[in-house]
Amino acid sequence: MLPRGIRNNNPLNIRRSKDKWKGLRAVQADAQFCQFETLEYGWRAAFYLLTRTYYHKYRLYTIRSIVNKWVPPIENKTEAYIANVSKLTGIDPDEPIGIPSESPGRWMKLGRAMAIQENGTDSIDDFALLTGWDLCREALK
C-alpha cells in the first residue's frame, strides 16, 4: 500500500486548513491532510509553502528552522528529521539554503528529502516534483 502522502498526492503531508490550494480534490476524505487531484498540485503547494511562506514570510532560511516549524518537537522527533534531511540534501542544518529563485536545485532537494522523510524512498516521482516546482514558480509571477 502506498504511503498516505502519496495516496493523497500530498508528498509533504500538508495539513488541512482554510487555505484553498489550487488542485485540491473536490471531496476531502482525509480528516487531517489535504488531498490533491494530482501529485504535481501537491508539489506546487509544498514548494509554495517552503519558498513563499517559510522563506519570505517567516524568514526561515535553514533546514533546522524550516523543519522545526514544519514538524514541531512537541509532535515529532524533529532532530532526527533534521539530521536525515540534512544528510539527504548534503546541506548543513544551519547553512542558509539560498534565495529560491537563485538556488532552485537546493530547494527542490529540500522538498525531495522532506518527502522521503514523510513517505519513504520508493514513493518519490521526480517528474511530478519538477512539474510542481514549475507550477509554483508560474503562480508567483
N, C-alpha and C. Protein backbone atom coordinates (compact mmCIF):
# COMPACT_ATOMS: atom_id res chain seq x y z
N MET A 1 0.84 -1.19 0.00
CA MET A 1 0.00 0.00 0.00
C MET A 1 0.88 1.25 0.00
N LEU A 2 0.50 2.23 -0.77
CA LEU A 2 1.26 3.48 -0.85
C LEU A 2 1.14 4.28 0.44
N PRO A 3 2.16 5.05 0.78
CA PRO A 3 2.08 5.92 1.96
C PRO A 3 0.96 6.95 1.82
N ARG A 4 0.46 7.39 2.92
CA ARG A 4 -0.67 8.33 2.96
C ARG A 4 -0.42 9.58 2.12
N GLY A 5 0.78 10.17 2.24
CA GLY A 5 1.09 11.38 1.50
C GLY A 5 1.03 11.18 -0.01
N ILE A 6 1.40 10.00 -0.47
CA ILE A 6 1.36 9.70 -1.90
C ILE A 6 -0.07 9.40 -2.32
N ARG A 7 -0.80 8.65 -1.52
CA ARG A 7 -2.22 8.39 -1.82
C ARG A 7 -3.00 9.69 -1.93
N ASN A 8 -2.64 10.66 -1.10
CA ASN A 8 -3.31 11.97 -1.10
C ASN A 8 -2.74 12.93 -2.13
N ASN A 9 -1.71 12.50 -2.88
CA ASN A 9 -0.98 13.40 -3.80
C ASN A 9 -0.46 14.62 -3.04
N ASN A 10 0.00 14.38 -1.83
CA ASN A 10 0.43 15.42 -0.91
C ASN A 10 1.77 14.97 -0.30
N PRO A 11 2.88 15.10 -1.07
CA PRO A 11 4.15 14.49 -0.66
C PRO A 11 4.74 15.01 0.64
N LEU A 12 4.38 16.20 1.08
CA LEU A 12 4.90 16.71 2.35
C LEU A 12 3.85 16.67 3.46
N ASN A 13 2.72 16.02 3.18
CA ASN A 13 1.65 15.89 4.18
C ASN A 13 1.21 17.23 4.75
N ILE A 14 0.80 18.12 3.86
CA ILE A 14 0.29 19.43 4.27
C ILE A 14 -1.04 19.22 4.98
N ARG A 15 -1.14 19.76 6.15
CA ARG A 15 -2.37 19.63 6.94
C ARG A 15 -3.50 20.48 6.35
N ARG A 16 -4.71 19.99 6.54
CA ARG A 16 -5.88 20.75 6.09
C ARG A 16 -5.96 22.05 6.88
N SER A 17 -6.41 23.09 6.20
CA SER A 17 -6.53 24.42 6.80
C SER A 17 -7.56 25.21 6.00
N LYS A 18 -7.62 26.48 6.26
CA LYS A 18 -8.54 27.34 5.50
C LYS A 18 -8.01 27.65 4.10
N ASP A 19 -6.73 27.34 3.84
CA ASP A 19 -6.14 27.60 2.53
C ASP A 19 -6.87 26.81 1.45
N LYS A 20 -7.17 27.48 0.36
CA LYS A 20 -7.85 26.85 -0.78
C LYS A 20 -6.82 26.65 -1.88
N TRP A 21 -6.03 25.59 -1.76
CA TRP A 21 -4.98 25.31 -2.71
C TRP A 21 -5.52 24.99 -4.08
N LYS A 22 -4.83 25.43 -5.09
CA LYS A 22 -5.16 25.04 -6.45
C LYS A 22 -4.95 23.53 -6.58
N GLY A 23 -5.92 22.87 -7.20
CA GLY A 23 -5.78 21.44 -7.43
C GLY A 23 -6.27 20.56 -6.29
N LEU A 24 -6.93 21.14 -5.28
CA LEU A 24 -7.48 20.31 -4.22
C LEU A 24 -8.60 19.44 -4.80
N ARG A 25 -8.70 18.21 -4.32
CA ARG A 25 -9.81 17.36 -4.71
C ARG A 25 -11.11 18.00 -4.21
N ALA A 26 -12.17 17.84 -4.97
CA ALA A 26 -13.47 18.40 -4.59
C ALA A 26 -13.93 17.83 -3.25
N VAL A 27 -13.72 16.55 -3.03
CA VAL A 27 -14.08 15.92 -1.78
C VAL A 27 -12.80 15.61 -1.01
N GLN A 28 -12.71 16.15 0.19
CA GLN A 28 -11.55 15.94 1.05
C GLN A 28 -11.91 14.85 2.07
N ALA A 29 -11.56 13.61 1.74
CA ALA A 29 -11.93 12.47 2.57
C ALA A 29 -10.98 12.23 3.75
N ASP A 30 -9.79 12.81 3.72
CA ASP A 30 -8.83 12.67 4.81
C ASP A 30 -9.08 13.82 5.79
N ALA A 31 -9.37 13.48 7.02
CA ALA A 31 -9.73 14.49 8.02
C ALA A 31 -8.54 15.37 8.42
N GLN A 32 -7.31 14.90 8.24
CA GLN A 32 -6.15 15.64 8.71
C GLN A 32 -5.35 16.34 7.61
N PHE A 33 -5.20 15.69 6.46
CA PHE A 33 -4.28 16.18 5.44
C PHE A 33 -5.00 16.51 4.14
N CYS A 34 -4.48 17.51 3.43
CA CYS A 34 -5.03 17.89 2.13
C CYS A 34 -4.91 16.74 1.15
N GLN A 35 -5.87 16.68 0.25
CA GLN A 35 -5.82 15.72 -0.85
C GLN A 35 -5.89 16.51 -2.15
N PHE A 36 -4.91 16.26 -3.03
CA PHE A 36 -4.81 16.97 -4.29
C PHE A 36 -5.21 16.07 -5.45
N GLU A 37 -5.65 16.70 -6.53
CA GLU A 37 -6.05 15.96 -7.73
C GLU A 37 -4.87 15.19 -8.33
N THR A 38 -3.70 15.82 -8.32
CA THR A 38 -2.50 15.20 -8.87
C THR A 38 -1.32 15.46 -7.95
N LEU A 39 -0.31 14.63 -8.10
CA LEU A 39 0.92 14.82 -7.33
C LEU A 39 1.58 16.16 -7.66
N GLU A 40 1.45 16.60 -8.90
CA GLU A 40 2.04 17.88 -9.30
C GLU A 40 1.44 19.03 -8.49
N TYR A 41 0.13 19.00 -8.27
CA TYR A 41 -0.50 20.05 -7.46
C TYR A 41 -0.06 19.96 -5.99
N GLY A 42 0.17 18.76 -5.51
CA GLY A 42 0.69 18.61 -4.15
C GLY A 42 2.08 19.20 -4.01
N TRP A 43 2.92 18.95 -5.02
CA TRP A 43 4.26 19.55 -5.02
C TRP A 43 4.17 21.06 -5.15
N ARG A 44 3.26 21.56 -5.97
CA ARG A 44 3.09 23.01 -6.13
C ARG A 44 2.82 23.65 -4.76
N ALA A 45 1.87 23.08 -4.02
CA ALA A 45 1.54 23.62 -2.70
C ALA A 45 2.74 23.51 -1.75
N ALA A 46 3.44 22.39 -1.79
CA ALA A 46 4.61 22.21 -0.92
C ALA A 46 5.67 23.27 -1.19
N PHE A 47 5.97 23.48 -2.47
CA PHE A 47 7.01 24.47 -2.80
C PHE A 47 6.54 25.89 -2.52
N TYR A 48 5.25 26.15 -2.66
CA TYR A 48 4.73 27.47 -2.31
C TYR A 48 4.92 27.71 -0.81
N LEU A 49 4.57 26.72 -0.01
CA LEU A 49 4.75 26.86 1.44
C LEU A 49 6.22 27.06 1.80
N LEU A 50 7.09 26.23 1.22
CA LEU A 50 8.51 26.33 1.56
C LEU A 50 9.12 27.65 1.12
N THR A 51 8.84 28.08 -0.10
CA THR A 51 9.54 29.26 -0.63
C THR A 51 8.83 30.58 -0.32
N ARG A 52 7.53 30.61 -0.40
CA ARG A 52 6.83 31.87 -0.14
C ARG A 52 6.54 32.07 1.34
N THR A 53 5.94 31.07 1.95
CA THR A 53 5.54 31.23 3.34
C THR A 53 6.73 31.09 4.29
N TYR A 54 7.46 30.00 4.19
CA TYR A 54 8.54 29.78 5.14
C TYR A 54 9.75 30.68 4.87
N TYR A 55 10.15 30.82 3.64
CA TYR A 55 11.33 31.64 3.33
C TYR A 55 10.99 33.14 3.39
N HIS A 56 10.02 33.57 2.61
CA HIS A 56 9.74 35.01 2.51
C HIS A 56 8.94 35.58 3.68
N LYS A 57 7.90 34.88 4.11
CA LYS A 57 7.06 35.42 5.18
C LYS A 57 7.68 35.22 6.57
N TYR A 58 8.05 33.96 6.88
CA TYR A 58 8.58 33.67 8.22
C TYR A 58 10.09 33.88 8.32
N ARG A 59 10.75 34.08 7.19
CA ARG A 59 12.19 34.31 7.14
C ARG A 59 12.98 33.13 7.75
N LEU A 60 12.58 31.95 7.32
CA LEU A 60 13.27 30.73 7.74
C LEU A 60 14.19 30.32 6.60
N TYR A 61 15.48 30.29 6.87
CA TYR A 61 16.46 30.13 5.80
C TYR A 61 17.27 28.84 5.85
N THR A 62 17.10 28.06 6.91
CA THR A 62 17.91 26.85 7.08
C THR A 62 17.02 25.62 7.25
N ILE A 63 17.60 24.47 7.04
CA ILE A 63 16.86 23.22 7.25
C ILE A 63 16.36 23.17 8.68
N ARG A 64 17.20 23.51 9.64
CA ARG A 64 16.79 23.44 11.05
C ARG A 64 15.58 24.33 11.32
N SER A 65 15.61 25.57 10.86
CA SER A 65 14.50 26.47 11.17
C SER A 65 13.22 26.05 10.44
N ILE A 66 13.36 25.59 9.21
CA ILE A 66 12.19 25.17 8.43
C ILE A 66 11.56 23.92 9.05
N VAL A 67 12.38 22.92 9.34
CA VAL A 67 11.85 21.67 9.87
C VAL A 67 11.28 21.87 11.28
N ASN A 68 11.90 22.73 12.09
CA ASN A 68 11.35 23.00 13.42
C ASN A 68 9.93 23.56 13.35
N LYS A 69 9.65 24.33 12.32
CA LYS A 69 8.29 24.85 12.13
C LYS A 69 7.39 23.80 11.49
N TRP A 70 7.92 23.06 10.52
CA TRP A 70 7.13 22.07 9.77
C TRP A 70 6.69 20.92 10.68
N VAL A 71 7.61 20.41 11.47
CA VAL A 71 7.33 19.27 12.36
C VAL A 71 7.77 19.64 13.78
N PRO A 72 6.91 20.34 14.50
CA PRO A 72 7.28 20.83 15.84
C PRO A 72 7.70 19.69 16.78
N PRO A 73 8.71 19.96 17.62
CA PRO A 73 9.23 18.93 18.54
C PRO A 73 8.18 18.33 19.48
N ILE A 74 7.13 19.07 19.77
CA ILE A 74 6.11 18.52 20.68
C ILE A 74 5.32 17.38 20.02
N GLU A 75 5.36 17.29 18.69
CA GLU A 75 4.61 16.26 17.97
C GLU A 75 5.51 15.19 17.34
N ASN A 76 6.78 15.48 17.14
CA ASN A 76 7.63 14.63 16.32
C ASN A 76 9.04 14.51 16.86
N LYS A 77 9.81 13.63 16.22
CA LYS A 77 11.24 13.50 16.50
C LYS A 77 11.97 14.45 15.54
N THR A 78 11.86 15.72 15.85
CA THR A 78 12.32 16.77 14.95
C THR A 78 13.81 16.70 14.68
N GLU A 79 14.63 16.44 15.68
CA GLU A 79 16.08 16.39 15.46
C GLU A 79 16.47 15.28 14.50
N ALA A 80 15.79 14.14 14.58
CA ALA A 80 16.07 13.04 13.64
C ALA A 80 15.64 13.43 12.23
N TYR A 81 14.52 14.12 12.11
CA TYR A 81 14.02 14.61 10.82
C TYR A 81 15.05 15.57 10.22
N ILE A 82 15.52 16.52 11.02
CA ILE A 82 16.52 17.50 10.57
C ILE A 82 17.79 16.78 10.10
N ALA A 83 18.28 15.85 10.90
CA ALA A 83 19.51 15.13 10.56
C ALA A 83 19.36 14.37 9.25
N ASN A 84 18.23 13.72 9.05
CA ASN A 84 18.03 12.94 7.82
C ASN A 84 17.91 13.85 6.61
N VAL A 85 17.17 14.94 6.72
CA VAL A 85 17.02 15.88 5.60
C VAL A 85 18.38 16.49 5.25
N SER A 86 19.15 16.84 6.27
CA SER A 86 20.49 17.39 6.04
C SER A 86 21.37 16.38 5.32
N LYS A 87 21.34 15.13 5.78
CA LYS A 87 22.15 14.08 5.16
C LYS A 87 21.75 13.86 3.70
N LEU A 88 20.44 13.79 3.44
CA LEU A 88 19.96 13.54 2.09
C LEU A 88 20.29 14.68 1.13
N THR A 89 20.21 15.92 1.60
CA THR A 89 20.46 17.08 0.74
C THR A 89 21.94 17.42 0.63
N GLY A 90 22.72 17.04 1.64
CA GLY A 90 24.12 17.45 1.69
C GLY A 90 24.27 18.89 2.15
N ILE A 91 23.22 19.43 2.74
CA ILE A 91 23.23 20.81 3.23
C ILE A 91 23.26 20.75 4.76
N ASP A 92 24.21 21.46 5.37
CA ASP A 92 24.30 21.52 6.82
C ASP A 92 22.99 22.08 7.38
N PRO A 93 22.52 21.57 8.52
CA PRO A 93 21.24 22.03 9.07
C PRO A 93 21.17 23.53 9.34
N ASP A 94 22.31 24.18 9.59
CA ASP A 94 22.31 25.60 9.92
C ASP A 94 22.85 26.48 8.79
N GLU A 95 23.07 25.89 7.64
CA GLU A 95 23.55 26.62 6.46
C GLU A 95 22.36 27.22 5.71
N PRO A 96 22.40 28.50 5.36
CA PRO A 96 21.30 29.06 4.57
C PRO A 96 21.15 28.30 3.24
N ILE A 97 19.90 28.00 2.90
CA ILE A 97 19.63 27.24 1.68
C ILE A 97 19.83 28.11 0.45
N GLY A 98 19.56 29.39 0.57
CA GLY A 98 19.71 30.32 -0.54
C GLY A 98 18.37 30.88 -0.98
N ILE A 99 18.44 31.91 -1.78
CA ILE A 99 17.22 32.53 -2.32
C ILE A 99 16.60 31.55 -3.31
N PRO A 100 15.30 31.23 -3.16
CA PRO A 100 14.69 30.22 -4.03
C PRO A 100 14.89 30.45 -5.53
N SER A 101 14.77 31.69 -5.97
CA SER A 101 14.92 31.96 -7.40
C SER A 101 16.36 31.81 -7.88
N GLU A 102 17.32 31.91 -6.97
CA GLU A 102 18.73 31.78 -7.33
C GLU A 102 19.30 30.39 -7.05
N SER A 103 18.63 29.63 -6.20
CA SER A 103 19.11 28.29 -5.82
C SER A 103 17.98 27.26 -5.90
N PRO A 104 17.31 27.16 -7.06
CA PRO A 104 16.16 26.25 -7.13
C PRO A 104 16.51 24.80 -6.86
N GLY A 105 17.68 24.36 -7.27
CA GLY A 105 18.07 22.98 -7.04
C GLY A 105 18.13 22.62 -5.57
N ARG A 106 18.61 23.55 -4.75
CA ARG A 106 18.71 23.30 -3.31
C ARG A 106 17.32 23.19 -2.69
N TRP A 107 16.38 24.00 -3.17
CA TRP A 107 15.01 23.95 -2.64
C TRP A 107 14.30 22.69 -3.10
N MET A 108 14.57 22.26 -4.32
CA MET A 108 13.97 21.01 -4.78
C MET A 108 14.55 19.82 -4.01
N LYS A 109 15.86 19.87 -3.70
CA LYS A 109 16.46 18.81 -2.89
C LYS A 109 15.84 18.79 -1.49
N LEU A 110 15.59 19.98 -0.94
CA LEU A 110 14.95 20.05 0.37
C LEU A 110 13.56 19.41 0.31
N GLY A 111 12.76 19.78 -0.69
CA GLY A 111 11.43 19.20 -0.81
C GLY A 111 11.47 17.69 -0.98
N ARG A 112 12.39 17.22 -1.81
CA ARG A 112 12.51 15.78 -2.06
C ARG A 112 12.92 15.06 -0.78
N ALA A 113 13.89 15.61 -0.05
CA ALA A 113 14.34 14.98 1.20
C ALA A 113 13.22 14.95 2.23
N MET A 114 12.43 16.01 2.31
CA MET A 114 11.31 16.03 3.24
C MET A 114 10.26 15.00 2.83
N ALA A 115 10.03 14.86 1.53
CA ALA A 115 9.06 13.86 1.05
C ALA A 115 9.55 12.45 1.36
N ILE A 116 10.84 12.22 1.24
CA ILE A 116 11.39 10.91 1.61
C ILE A 116 11.17 10.66 3.10
N GLN A 117 11.43 11.67 3.90
CA GLN A 117 11.22 11.54 5.34
C GLN A 117 9.74 11.24 5.65
N GLU A 118 8.84 11.86 4.91
CA GLU A 118 7.40 11.69 5.15
C GLU A 118 6.86 10.38 4.60
N ASN A 119 7.40 9.90 3.46
CA ASN A 119 6.77 8.81 2.72
C ASN A 119 7.66 7.62 2.39
N GLY A 120 8.95 7.75 2.56
CA GLY A 120 9.87 6.69 2.17
C GLY A 120 10.45 6.93 0.79
N THR A 121 11.46 6.18 0.45
CA THR A 121 12.21 6.44 -0.79
C THR A 121 11.56 5.88 -2.04
N ASP A 122 10.71 4.89 -1.91
CA ASP A 122 10.14 4.25 -3.09
C ASP A 122 8.96 5.01 -3.68
N SER A 123 8.57 6.10 -3.07
CA SER A 123 7.33 6.77 -3.46
C SER A 123 7.52 8.11 -4.16
N ILE A 124 8.75 8.50 -4.43
CA ILE A 124 9.00 9.84 -4.95
C ILE A 124 9.01 9.82 -6.48
N ASP A 125 8.19 10.67 -7.06
CA ASP A 125 8.12 10.84 -8.51
C ASP A 125 8.82 12.15 -8.84
N ASP A 126 10.05 12.05 -9.35
CA ASP A 126 10.84 13.25 -9.61
C ASP A 126 10.26 14.12 -10.72
N PHE A 127 9.58 13.52 -11.68
CA PHE A 127 8.96 14.32 -12.75
C PHE A 127 7.83 15.17 -12.18
N ALA A 128 7.04 14.60 -11.28
CA ALA A 128 5.98 15.36 -10.63
C ALA A 128 6.57 16.49 -9.80
N LEU A 129 7.68 16.21 -9.11
CA LEU A 129 8.36 17.23 -8.32
C LEU A 129 8.78 18.41 -9.21
N LEU A 130 9.42 18.11 -10.33
CA LEU A 130 9.88 19.18 -11.23
C LEU A 130 8.71 19.98 -11.80
N THR A 131 7.64 19.29 -12.16
CA THR A 131 6.46 19.98 -12.67
C THR A 131 5.84 20.83 -11.58
N GLY A 132 5.79 20.31 -10.36
CA GLY A 132 5.27 21.08 -9.23
C GLY A 132 6.07 22.34 -8.97
N TRP A 133 7.39 22.25 -9.10
CA TRP A 133 8.24 23.43 -8.95
C TRP A 133 7.87 24.47 -10.01
N ASP A 134 7.75 24.02 -11.26
CA ASP A 134 7.38 24.94 -12.34
C ASP A 134 6.02 25.57 -12.11
N LEU A 135 5.04 24.78 -11.65
CA LEU A 135 3.70 25.32 -11.36
C LEU A 135 3.77 26.37 -10.27
N CYS A 136 4.58 26.12 -9.26
CA CYS A 136 4.74 27.08 -8.17
C CYS A 136 5.36 28.37 -8.66
N ARG A 137 6.41 28.26 -9.45
CA ARG A 137 7.09 29.46 -9.96
C ARG A 137 6.16 30.25 -10.85
N GLU A 138 5.33 29.59 -11.65
CA GLU A 138 4.34 30.27 -12.50
C GLU A 138 3.34 31.04 -11.64
N ALA A 139 2.92 30.44 -10.54
CA ALA A 139 1.95 31.08 -9.66
C ALA A 139 2.52 32.33 -9.00
N LEU A 140 3.84 32.41 -8.91
CA LEU A 140 4.47 33.55 -8.23
C LEU A 140 4.78 34.70 -9.17
N LYS A 141 4.55 34.51 -10.46
CA LYS A 141 4.85 35.59 -11.42
C LYS A 141 3.77 36.64 -11.42
